[in-house]
Amino acid sequence: METIFDWVTVAVFAALVVLFLQRSMSPGPAKDTVWHYLPAALGCAVANYLGNHDQEALAVAIIGAVILYTVFVLKPFGDLRS
């Protein structure tokens, strides 16, 4: 844990783990499977690798894409329109 990319990607990954665990323990039918979390987890790994290898702009773009994927596909906040 030496760079900002290490900290940010681990924090995003930890949030994904918490979201998955919370949803897997909630009553009712499952809305998503572990496979829905794979693109975001791989995105964290790739962004961390690129950020640690002097490709900061691409790493930041991937982190942004991971956050957008999480918000719009995994919907951690549910339906906020109601």
PDB file of N, CA and C in Angstrom:
ATOM      1  N   MET A   1       0.845  -1.169   0.000  1.00  0.00           N
ATOM      2  CA  MET A   1       0.000   0.000   0.000  1.00  0.00           C
ATOM      3  C   MET A   1       0.898   1.243   0.000  1.00  0.00           C
ATOM      4  N   GLU A   2       1.374   1.560  -1.204  1.00  0.00           N
ATOM      5  CA  GLU A   2       2.314   2.665  -1.329  1.00  0.00           C
ATOM      6  C   GLU A   2       1.771   3.852  -2.111  1.00  0.00           C
ATOM      7  N   THR A   3       0.858   3.607  -3.046  1.00  0.00           N
ATOM      8  CA  THR A   3       0.372   4.703  -3.881  1.00  0.00           C
ATOM      9  C   THR A   3      -1.092   4.989  -3.584  1.00  0.00           C
ATOM     10  N   ILE A   4      -1.544   6.112  -4.087  1.00  0.00           N
ATOM     11  CA  ILE A   4      -2.952   6.476  -3.931  1.00  0.00           C
ATOM     12  C   ILE A   4      -3.841   5.461  -4.642  1.00  0.00           C
ATOM     13  N   PHE A   5      -3.335   4.866  -5.728  1.00  0.00           N
ATOM     14  CA  PHE A   5      -4.126   3.877  -6.458  1.00  0.00           C
ATOM     15  C   PHE A   5      -4.342   2.617  -5.628  1.00  0.00           C
ATOM     16  N   ASP A   6      -3.359   2.258  -4.825  1.00  0.00           N
ATOM     17  CA  ASP A   6      -3.533   1.121  -3.913  1.00  0.00           C
ATOM     18  C   ASP A   6      -4.690   1.388  -2.959  1.00  0.00           C
ATOM     19  N   TRP A   7      -4.691   2.547  -2.358  1.00  0.00           N
ATOM     20  CA  TRP A   7      -5.713   2.888  -1.363  1.00  0.00           C
ATOM     21  C   TRP A   7      -7.100   3.014  -1.980  1.00  0.00           C
ATOM     22  N   VAL A   8      -7.182   3.702  -3.111  1.00  0.00           N
ATOM     23  CA  VAL A   8      -8.492   3.928  -3.737  1.00  0.00           C
ATOM     24  C   VAL A   8      -9.092   2.621  -4.245  1.00  0.00           C
ATOM     25  N   THR A   9      -8.299   1.824  -4.936  1.00  0.00           N
ATOM     26  CA  THR A   9      -8.852   0.579  -5.487  1.00  0.00           C
ATOM     27  C   THR A   9      -9.211  -0.419  -4.390  1.00  0.00           C
ATOM     28  N   VAL A  10      -8.434  -0.467  -3.329  1.00  0.00           N
ATOM     29  CA  VAL A  10      -8.790  -1.354  -2.211  1.00  0.00           C
ATOM     30  C   VAL A  10     -10.067  -0.860  -1.533  1.00  0.00           C
ATOM     31  N   ALA A  11     -10.229   0.453  -1.413  1.00  0.00           N
ATOM     32  CA  ALA A  11     -11.453   0.997  -0.804  1.00  0.00           C
ATOM     33  C   ALA A  11     -12.681   0.678  -1.667  1.00  0.00           C
ATOM     34  N   VAL A  12     -12.554   0.838  -2.978  1.00  0.00           N
ATOM     35  CA  VAL A  12     -13.674   0.523  -3.867  1.00  0.00           C
ATOM     36  C   VAL A  12     -13.982  -0.973  -3.821  1.00  0.00           C
ATOM     37  N   PHE A  13     -12.937  -1.795  -3.830  1.00  0.00           N
ATOM     38  CA  PHE A  13     -13.141  -3.241  -3.756  1.00  0.00           C
ATOM     39  C   PHE A  13     -13.799  -3.626  -2.432  1.00  0.00           C
ATOM     40  N   ALA A  14     -13.382  -3.011  -1.337  1.00  0.00           N
ATOM     41  CA  ALA A  14     -13.993  -3.300  -0.035  1.00  0.00           C
ATOM     42  C   ALA A  14     -15.477  -2.919  -0.039  1.00  0.00           C
ATOM     43  N   ALA A  15     -15.805  -1.812  -0.682  1.00  0.00           N
ATOM     44  CA  ALA A  15     -17.215  -1.417  -0.786  1.00  0.00           C
ATOM     45  C   ALA A  15     -18.003  -2.448  -1.599  1.00  0.00           C
ATOM     46  N   LEU A  16     -17.393  -2.989  -2.643  1.00  0.00           N
ATOM     47  CA  LEU A  16     -18.051  -4.038  -3.423  1.00  0.00           C
ATOM     48  C   LEU A  16     -18.286  -5.287  -2.586  1.00  0.00           C
ATOM     49  N   VAL A  17     -17.308  -5.654  -1.772  1.00  0.00           N
ATOM     50  CA  VAL A  17     -17.447  -6.827  -0.899  1.00  0.00           C
ATOM     51  C   VAL A  17     -18.575  -6.615   0.104  1.00  0.00           C
ATOM     52  N   VAL A  18     -18.624  -5.444   0.700  1.00  0.00           N
ATOM     53  CA  VAL A  18     -19.687  -5.150   1.669  1.00  0.00           C
ATOM     54  C   VAL A  18     -21.051  -5.194   0.992  1.00  0.00           C
ATOM     55  N   LEU A  19     -21.152  -4.621  -0.207  1.00  0.00           N
ATOM     56  CA  LEU A  19     -22.420  -4.650  -0.940  1.00  0.00           C
ATOM     57  C   LEU A  19     -22.834  -6.082  -1.249  1.00  0.00           C
ATOM     58  N   PHE A  20     -21.900  -6.894  -1.710  1.00  0.00           N
ATOM     59  CA  PHE A  20     -22.218  -8.287  -2.023  1.00  0.00           C
ATOM     60  C   PHE A  20     -22.658  -9.044  -0.769  1.00  0.00           C
ATOM     61  N   LEU A  21     -21.937  -8.889   0.323  1.00  0.00           N
ATOM     62  CA  LEU A  21     -22.298  -9.591   1.555  1.00  0.00           C
ATOM     63  C   LEU A  21     -23.647  -9.134   2.093  1.00  0.00           C
ATOM     64  N   GLN A  22     -23.900  -7.847   2.031  1.00  0.00           N
ATOM     65  CA  GLN A  22     -25.185  -7.329   2.507  1.00  0.00           C
ATOM     66  C   GLN A  22     -26.326  -7.892   1.680  1.00  0.00           C
ATOM     67  N   ARG A  23     -26.150  -7.924   0.379  1.00  0.00           N
ATOM     68  CA  ARG A  23     -27.213  -8.444  -0.484  1.00  0.00           C
ATOM     69  C   ARG A  23     -27.367  -9.945  -0.382  1.00  0.00           C
ATOM     70  N   SER A  24     -26.287 -10.650  -0.156  1.00  0.00           N
ATOM     71  CA  SER A  24     -26.396 -12.109  -0.066  1.00  0.00           C
ATOM     72  C   SER A  24     -27.062 -12.543   1.237  1.00  0.00           C
ATOM     73  N   MET A  25     -27.060 -11.702   2.246  1.00  0.00           N
ATOM     74  CA  MET A  25     -27.683 -12.031   3.529  1.00  0.00           C
ATOM     75  C   MET A  25     -29.101 -11.474   3.657  1.00  0.00           C
ATOM     76  N   SER A  26     -29.518 -10.644   2.725  1.00  0.00           N
ATOM     77  CA  SER A  26     -30.845 -10.047   2.841  1.00  0.00           C
ATOM     78  C   SER A  26     -31.919 -11.065   2.472  1.00  0.00           C
ATOM     79  N   PRO A  27     -33.092 -10.947   3.087  1.00  0.00           N
ATOM     80  CA  PRO A  27     -34.176 -11.882   2.770  1.00  0.00           C
ATOM     81  C   PRO A  27     -34.735 -11.596   1.379  1.00  0.00           C
ATOM     82  N   GLY A  28     -35.372 -12.576   0.831  1.00  0.00           N
ATOM     83  CA  GLY A  28     -35.994 -12.418  -0.472  1.00  0.00           C
ATOM     84  C   GLY A  28     -35.113 -12.958  -1.582  1.00  0.00           C
ATOM     85  N   PRO A  29     -35.624 -12.884  -2.789  1.00  0.00           N
ATOM     86  CA  PRO A  29     -34.860 -13.417  -3.924  1.00  0.00           C
ATOM     87  C   PRO A  29     -33.637 -12.550  -4.221  1.00  0.00           C
ATOM     88  N   ALA A  30     -32.603 -13.199  -4.703  1.00  0.00           N
ATOM     89  CA  ALA A  30     -31.370 -12.489  -5.030  1.00  0.00           C
ATOM     90  C   ALA A  30     -31.562 -11.648  -6.291  1.00  0.00           C
ATOM     91  N   LYS A  31     -31.084 -10.412  -6.241  1.00  0.00           N
ATOM     92  CA  LYS A  31     -31.177  -9.532  -7.398  1.00  0.00           C
ATOM     93  C   LYS A  31     -29.969  -9.684  -8.308  1.00  0.00           C
ATOM     94  N   ASP A  32     -28.876 -10.111  -7.754  1.00  0.00           N
ATOM     95  CA  ASP A  32     -27.664 -10.250  -8.540  1.00  0.00           C
ATOM     96  C   ASP A  32     -26.858 -11.453  -8.054  1.00  0.00           C
ATOM     97  N   THR A  33     -25.894 -11.851  -8.864  1.00  0.00           N
ATOM     98  CA  THR A  33     -25.020 -12.972  -8.515  1.00  0.00           C
ATOM     99  C   THR A  33     -23.594 -12.455  -8.376  1.00  0.00           C
ATOM    100  N   VAL A  34     -22.716 -13.349  -7.982  1.00  0.00           N
ATOM    101  CA  VAL A  34     -21.322 -12.964  -7.817  1.00  0.00           C
ATOM    102  C   VAL A  34     -20.718 -12.526  -9.153  1.00  0.00           C
ATOM    103  N   TRP A  35     -21.253 -13.029 -10.262  1.00  0.00           N
ATOM    104  CA  TRP A  35     -20.721 -12.675 -11.581  1.00  0.00           C
ATOM    105  C   TRP A  35     -20.964 -11.212 -11.929  1.00  0.00           C
ATOM    106  N   HIS A  36     -21.986 -10.619 -11.354  1.00  0.00           N
ATOM    107  CA  HIS A  36     -22.250  -9.201 -11.604  1.00  0.00           C
ATOM    108  C   HIS A  36     -21.164  -8.314 -11.009  1.00  0.00           C
ATOM    109  N   TYR A  37     -20.438  -8.819 -10.050  1.00  0.00           N
ATOM    110  CA  TYR A  37     -19.395  -8.044  -9.386  1.00  0.00           C
ATOM    111  C   TYR A  37     -18.031  -8.207 -10.056  1.00  0.00           C
ATOM    112  N   LEU A  38     -17.911  -9.179 -10.957  1.00  0.00           N
ATOM    113  CA  LEU A  38     -16.627  -9.466 -11.598  1.00  0.00           C
ATOM    114  C   LEU A  38     -16.075  -8.295 -12.413  1.00  0.00           C
ATOM    115  N   PRO A  39     -16.859  -7.621 -13.254  1.00  0.00           N
ATOM    116  CA  PRO A  39     -16.284  -6.500 -14.013  1.00  0.00           C
ATOM    117  C   PRO A  39     -15.723  -5.401 -13.114  1.00  0.00           C
ATOM    118  N   ALA A  40     -16.413  -5.091 -12.044  1.00  0.00           N
ATOM    119  CA  ALA A  40     -15.929  -4.048 -11.137  1.00  0.00           C
ATOM    120  C   ALA A  40     -14.666  -4.490 -10.402  1.00  0.00           C
ATOM    121  N   ALA A  41     -14.623  -5.739  -9.985  1.00  0.00           N
ATOM    122  CA  ALA A  41     -13.437  -6.238  -9.287  1.00  0.00           C
ATOM    123  C   ALA A  41     -12.228  -6.272 -10.217  1.00  0.00           C
ATOM    124  N   LEU A  42     -12.427  -6.744 -11.446  1.00  0.00           N
ATOM    125  CA  LEU A  42     -11.332  -6.744 -12.415  1.00  0.00           C
ATOM    126  C   LEU A  42     -10.897  -5.326 -12.764  1.00  0.00           C
ATOM    127  N   GLY A  43     -11.858  -4.420 -12.831  1.00  0.00           N
ATOM    128  CA  GLY A  43     -11.532  -3.018 -13.087  1.00  0.00           C
ATOM    129  C   GLY A  43     -10.659  -2.434 -11.990  1.00  0.00           C
ATOM    130  N   CYS A  44     -10.937  -2.791 -10.747  1.00  0.00           N
ATOM    131  CA  CYS A  44     -10.093  -2.328  -9.638  1.00  0.00           C
ATOM    132  C   CYS A  44      -8.667  -2.849  -9.782  1.00  0.00           C
ATOM    133  N   ALA A  45      -8.530  -4.110 -10.134  1.00  0.00           N
ATOM    134  CA  ALA A  45      -7.202  -4.706 -10.274  1.00  0.00           C
ATOM    135  C   ALA A  45      -6.426  -4.066 -11.425  1.00  0.00           C
ATOM    136  N   VAL A  46      -7.098  -3.873 -12.553  1.00  0.00           N
ATOM    137  CA  VAL A  46      -6.428  -3.277 -13.708  1.00  0.00           C
ATOM    138  C   VAL A  46      -6.063  -1.821 -13.437  1.00  0.00           C
ATOM    139  N   ALA A  47      -6.965  -1.072 -12.826  1.00  0.00           N
ATOM    140  CA  ALA A  47      -6.681   0.326 -12.504  1.00  0.00           C
ATOM    141  C   ALA A  47      -5.513   0.439 -11.539  1.00  0.00           C
ATOM    142  N   ASN A  48      -5.451  -0.435 -10.556  1.00  0.00           N
ATOM    143  CA  ASN A  48      -4.336  -0.416  -9.615  1.00  0.00           C
ATOM    144  C   ASN A  48      -3.029  -0.717 -10.332  1.00  0.00           C
ATOM    145  N   TYR A  49      -3.034  -1.718 -11.185  1.00  0.00           N
ATOM    146  CA  TYR A  49      -1.825  -2.076 -11.936  1.00  0.00           C
ATOM    147  C   TYR A  49      -1.359  -0.905 -12.802  1.00  0.00           C
ATOM    148  N   LEU A  50      -2.284  -0.330 -13.563  1.00  0.00           N
ATOM    149  CA  LEU A  50      -1.914   0.772 -14.448  1.00  0.00           C
ATOM    150  C   LEU A  50      -1.453   1.998 -13.658  1.00  0.00           C
ATOM    151  N   GLY A  51      -2.128   2.294 -12.565  1.00  0.00           N
ATOM    152  CA  GLY A  51      -1.732   3.431 -11.743  1.00  0.00           C
ATOM    153  C   GLY A  51      -0.352   3.267 -11.147  1.00  0.00           C
ATOM    154  N   ASN A  52      -0.001   2.053 -10.816  1.00  0.00           N
ATOM    155  CA  ASN A  52       1.325   1.789 -10.254  1.00  0.00           C
ATOM    156  C   ASN A  52       2.404   1.694 -11.321  1.00  0.00           C
ATOM    157  N   HIS A  53       2.004   1.697 -12.589  1.00  0.00           N
ATOM    158  CA  HIS A  53       2.968   1.615 -13.687  1.00  0.00           C
ATOM    159  C   HIS A  53       2.899   2.862 -14.577  1.00  0.00           C
ATOM    160  N   ASP A  54       2.746   4.006 -13.958  1.00  0.00           N
ATOM    161  CA  ASP A  54       2.845   5.324 -14.610  1.00  0.00           C
ATOM    162  C   ASP A  54       1.843   5.564 -15.731  1.00  0.00           C
ATOM    163  N   GLN A  55       0.648   5.030 -15.587  1.00  0.00           N
ATOM    164  CA  GLN A  55      -0.424   5.318 -16.536  1.00  0.00           C
ATOM    165  C   GLN A  55      -1.620   5.845 -15.757  1.00  0.00           C
ATOM    166  N   GLU A  56      -1.373   6.982 -15.085  1.00  0.00           N
ATOM    167  CA  GLU A  56      -2.358   7.528 -14.155  1.00  0.00           C
ATOM    168  C   GLU A  56      -3.676   7.894 -14.812  1.00  0.00           C
ATOM    169  N   ALA A  57      -3.624   8.516 -15.998  1.00  0.00           N
ATOM    170  CA  ALA A  57      -4.858   8.956 -16.649  1.00  0.00           C
ATOM    171  C   ALA A  57      -5.774   7.774 -16.965  1.00  0.00           C
ATOM    172  N   LEU A  58      -5.208   6.719 -17.481  1.00  0.00           N
ATOM    173  CA  LEU A  58      -6.007   5.537 -17.798  1.00  0.00           C
ATOM    174  C   LEU A  58      -6.538   4.880 -16.525  1.00  0.00           C
ATOM    175  N   ALA A  59      -5.735   4.860 -15.479  1.00  0.00           N
ATOM    176  CA  ALA A  59      -6.175   4.284 -14.209  1.00  0.00           C
ATOM    177  C   ALA A  59      -7.338   5.074 -13.622  1.00  0.00           C
ATOM    178  N   VAL A  60      -7.258   6.393 -13.680  1.00  0.00           N
ATOM    179  CA  VAL A  60      -8.349   7.225 -13.167  1.00  0.00           C
ATOM    180  C   VAL A  60      -9.618   6.995 -13.984  1.00  0.00           C
ATOM    181  N   ALA A  61      -9.478   6.870 -15.302  1.00  0.00           N
ATOM    182  CA  ALA A  61     -10.642   6.613 -16.153  1.00  0.00           C
ATOM    183  C   ALA A  61     -11.288   5.271 -15.812  1.00  0.00           C
ATOM    184  N   ILE A  62     -10.481   4.261 -15.552  1.00  0.00           N
ATOM    185  CA  ILE A  62     -11.026   2.945 -15.211  1.00  0.00           C
ATOM    186  C   ILE A  62     -11.694   2.972 -13.846  1.00  0.00           C
ATOM    187  N   ILE A  63     -11.102   3.676 -12.892  1.00  0.00           N
ATOM    188  CA  ILE A  63     -11.740   3.806 -11.577  1.00  0.00           C
ATOM    189  C   ILE A  63     -13.087   4.500 -11.723  1.00  0.00           C
ATOM    190  N   GLY A  64     -13.146   5.533 -12.538  1.00  0.00           N
ATOM    191  CA  GLY A  64     -14.418   6.201 -12.800  1.00  0.00           C
ATOM    192  C   GLY A  64     -15.438   5.261 -13.436  1.00  0.00           C
ATOM    193  N   ALA A  65     -14.974   4.441 -14.375  1.00  0.00           N
ATOM    194  CA  ALA A  65     -15.870   3.474 -15.018  1.00  0.00           C
ATOM    195  C   ALA A  65     -16.371   2.432 -14.023  1.00  0.00           C
ATOM    196  N   VAL A  66     -15.507   2.009 -13.109  1.00  0.00           N
ATOM    197  CA  VAL A  66     -15.908   1.046 -12.081  1.00  0.00           C
ATOM    198  C   VAL A  66     -16.980   1.662 -11.177  1.00  0.00           C
ATOM    199  N   ILE A  67     -16.798   2.901 -10.805  1.00  0.00           N
ATOM    200  CA  ILE A  67     -17.781   3.566  -9.941  1.00  0.00           C
ATOM    201  C   ILE A  67     -19.104   3.734 -10.682  1.00  0.00           C
ATOM    202  N   LEU A  68     -19.048   4.130 -11.951  1.00  0.00           N
ATOM    203  CA  LEU A  68     -20.279   4.257 -12.735  1.00  0.00           C
ATOM    204  C   LEU A  68     -20.977   2.910 -12.901  1.00  0.00           C
ATOM    205  N   TYR A  69     -20.223   1.869 -13.174  1.00  0.00           N
ATOM    206  CA  TYR A  69     -20.800   0.524 -13.288  1.00  0.00           C
ATOM    207  C   TYR A  69     -21.483   0.133 -11.976  1.00  0.00           C
ATOM    208  N   THR A  70     -20.823   0.403 -10.877  1.00  0.00           N
ATOM    209  CA  THR A  70     -21.384   0.048  -9.577  1.00  0.00           C
ATOM    210  C   THR A  70     -22.688   0.798  -9.323  1.00  0.00           C
ATOM    211  N   VAL A  71     -22.710   2.083  -9.625  1.00  0.00           N
ATOM    212  CA  VAL A  71     -23.906   2.892  -9.361  1.00  0.00           C
ATOM    213  C   VAL A  71     -25.057   2.511 -10.286  1.00  0.00           C
ATOM    214  N   PHE A  72     -24.770   2.338 -11.579  1.00  0.00           N
ATOM    215  CA  PHE A  72     -25.857   2.136 -12.538  1.00  0.00           C
ATOM    216  C   PHE A  72     -26.248   0.682 -12.757  1.00  0.00           C
ATOM    217  N   VAL A  73     -25.333  -0.257 -12.544  1.00  0.00           N
ATOM    218  CA  VAL A  73     -25.662  -1.665 -12.764  1.00  0.00           C
ATOM    219  C   VAL A  73     -25.971  -2.370 -11.441  1.00  0.00           C
ATOM    220  N   LEU A  74     -25.108  -2.213 -10.463  1.00  0.00           N
ATOM    221  CA  LEU A  74     -25.326  -2.889  -9.181  1.00  0.00           C
ATOM    222  C   LEU A  74     -26.314  -2.140  -8.292  1.00  0.00           C
ATOM    223  N   LYS A  75     -26.490  -0.864  -8.522  1.00  0.00           N
ATOM    224  CA  LYS A  75     -27.464  -0.022  -7.811  1.00  0.00           C
ATOM    225  C   LYS A  75     -27.369  -0.193  -6.284  1.00  0.00           C
ATOM    226  N   PRO A  76     -26.267   0.276  -5.694  1.00  0.00           N
ATOM    227  CA  PRO A  76     -26.099   0.099  -4.249  1.00  0.00           C
ATOM    228  C   PRO A  76     -27.097   0.898  -3.410  1.00  0.00           C
ATOM    229  N   PHE A  77     -27.679   1.935  -3.993  1.00  0.00           N
ATOM    230  CA  PHE A  77     -28.610   2.770  -3.235  1.00  0.00           C
ATOM    231  C   PHE A  77     -30.051   2.451  -3.557  1.00  0.00           C
ATOM    232  N   GLY A  78     -30.280   1.416  -4.328  1.00  0.00           N
ATOM    233  CA  GLY A  78     -31.644   1.035  -4.693  1.00  0.00           C
ATOM    234  C   GLY A  78     -32.237   2.042  -5.655  1.00  0.00           C
ATOM    235  N   ASP A  79     -33.525   2.086  -5.687  1.00  0.00           N
ATOM    236  CA  ASP A  79     -34.217   3.043  -6.550  1.00  0.00           C
ATOM    237  C   ASP A  79     -34.494   4.308  -5.754  1.00  0.00           C
ATOM    238  N   LEU A  80     -33.713   5.345  -5.999  1.00  0.00           N
ATOM    239  CA  LEU A  80     -33.840   6.582  -5.230  1.00  0.00           C
ATOM    240  C   LEU A  80     -34.963   7.483  -5.728  1.00  0.00           C
ATOM    241  N   ARG A  81     -35.590   7.124  -6.836  1.00  0.00           N
ATOM    242  CA  ARG A  81     -36.648   7.957  -7.390  1.00  0.00           C
ATOM    243  C   ARG A  81     -37.953   7.862  -6.624  1.00  0.00           C
ATOM    244  N   SER A  82     -38.118   6.854  -5.826  1.00  0.00           N
ATOM    245  CA  SER A  82     -39.402   6.686  -5.139  1.00  0.00           C
ATOM    246  C   SER A  82     -39.448   7.428  -3.829  1.00  0.00           C
TER     247      SER A  82
END
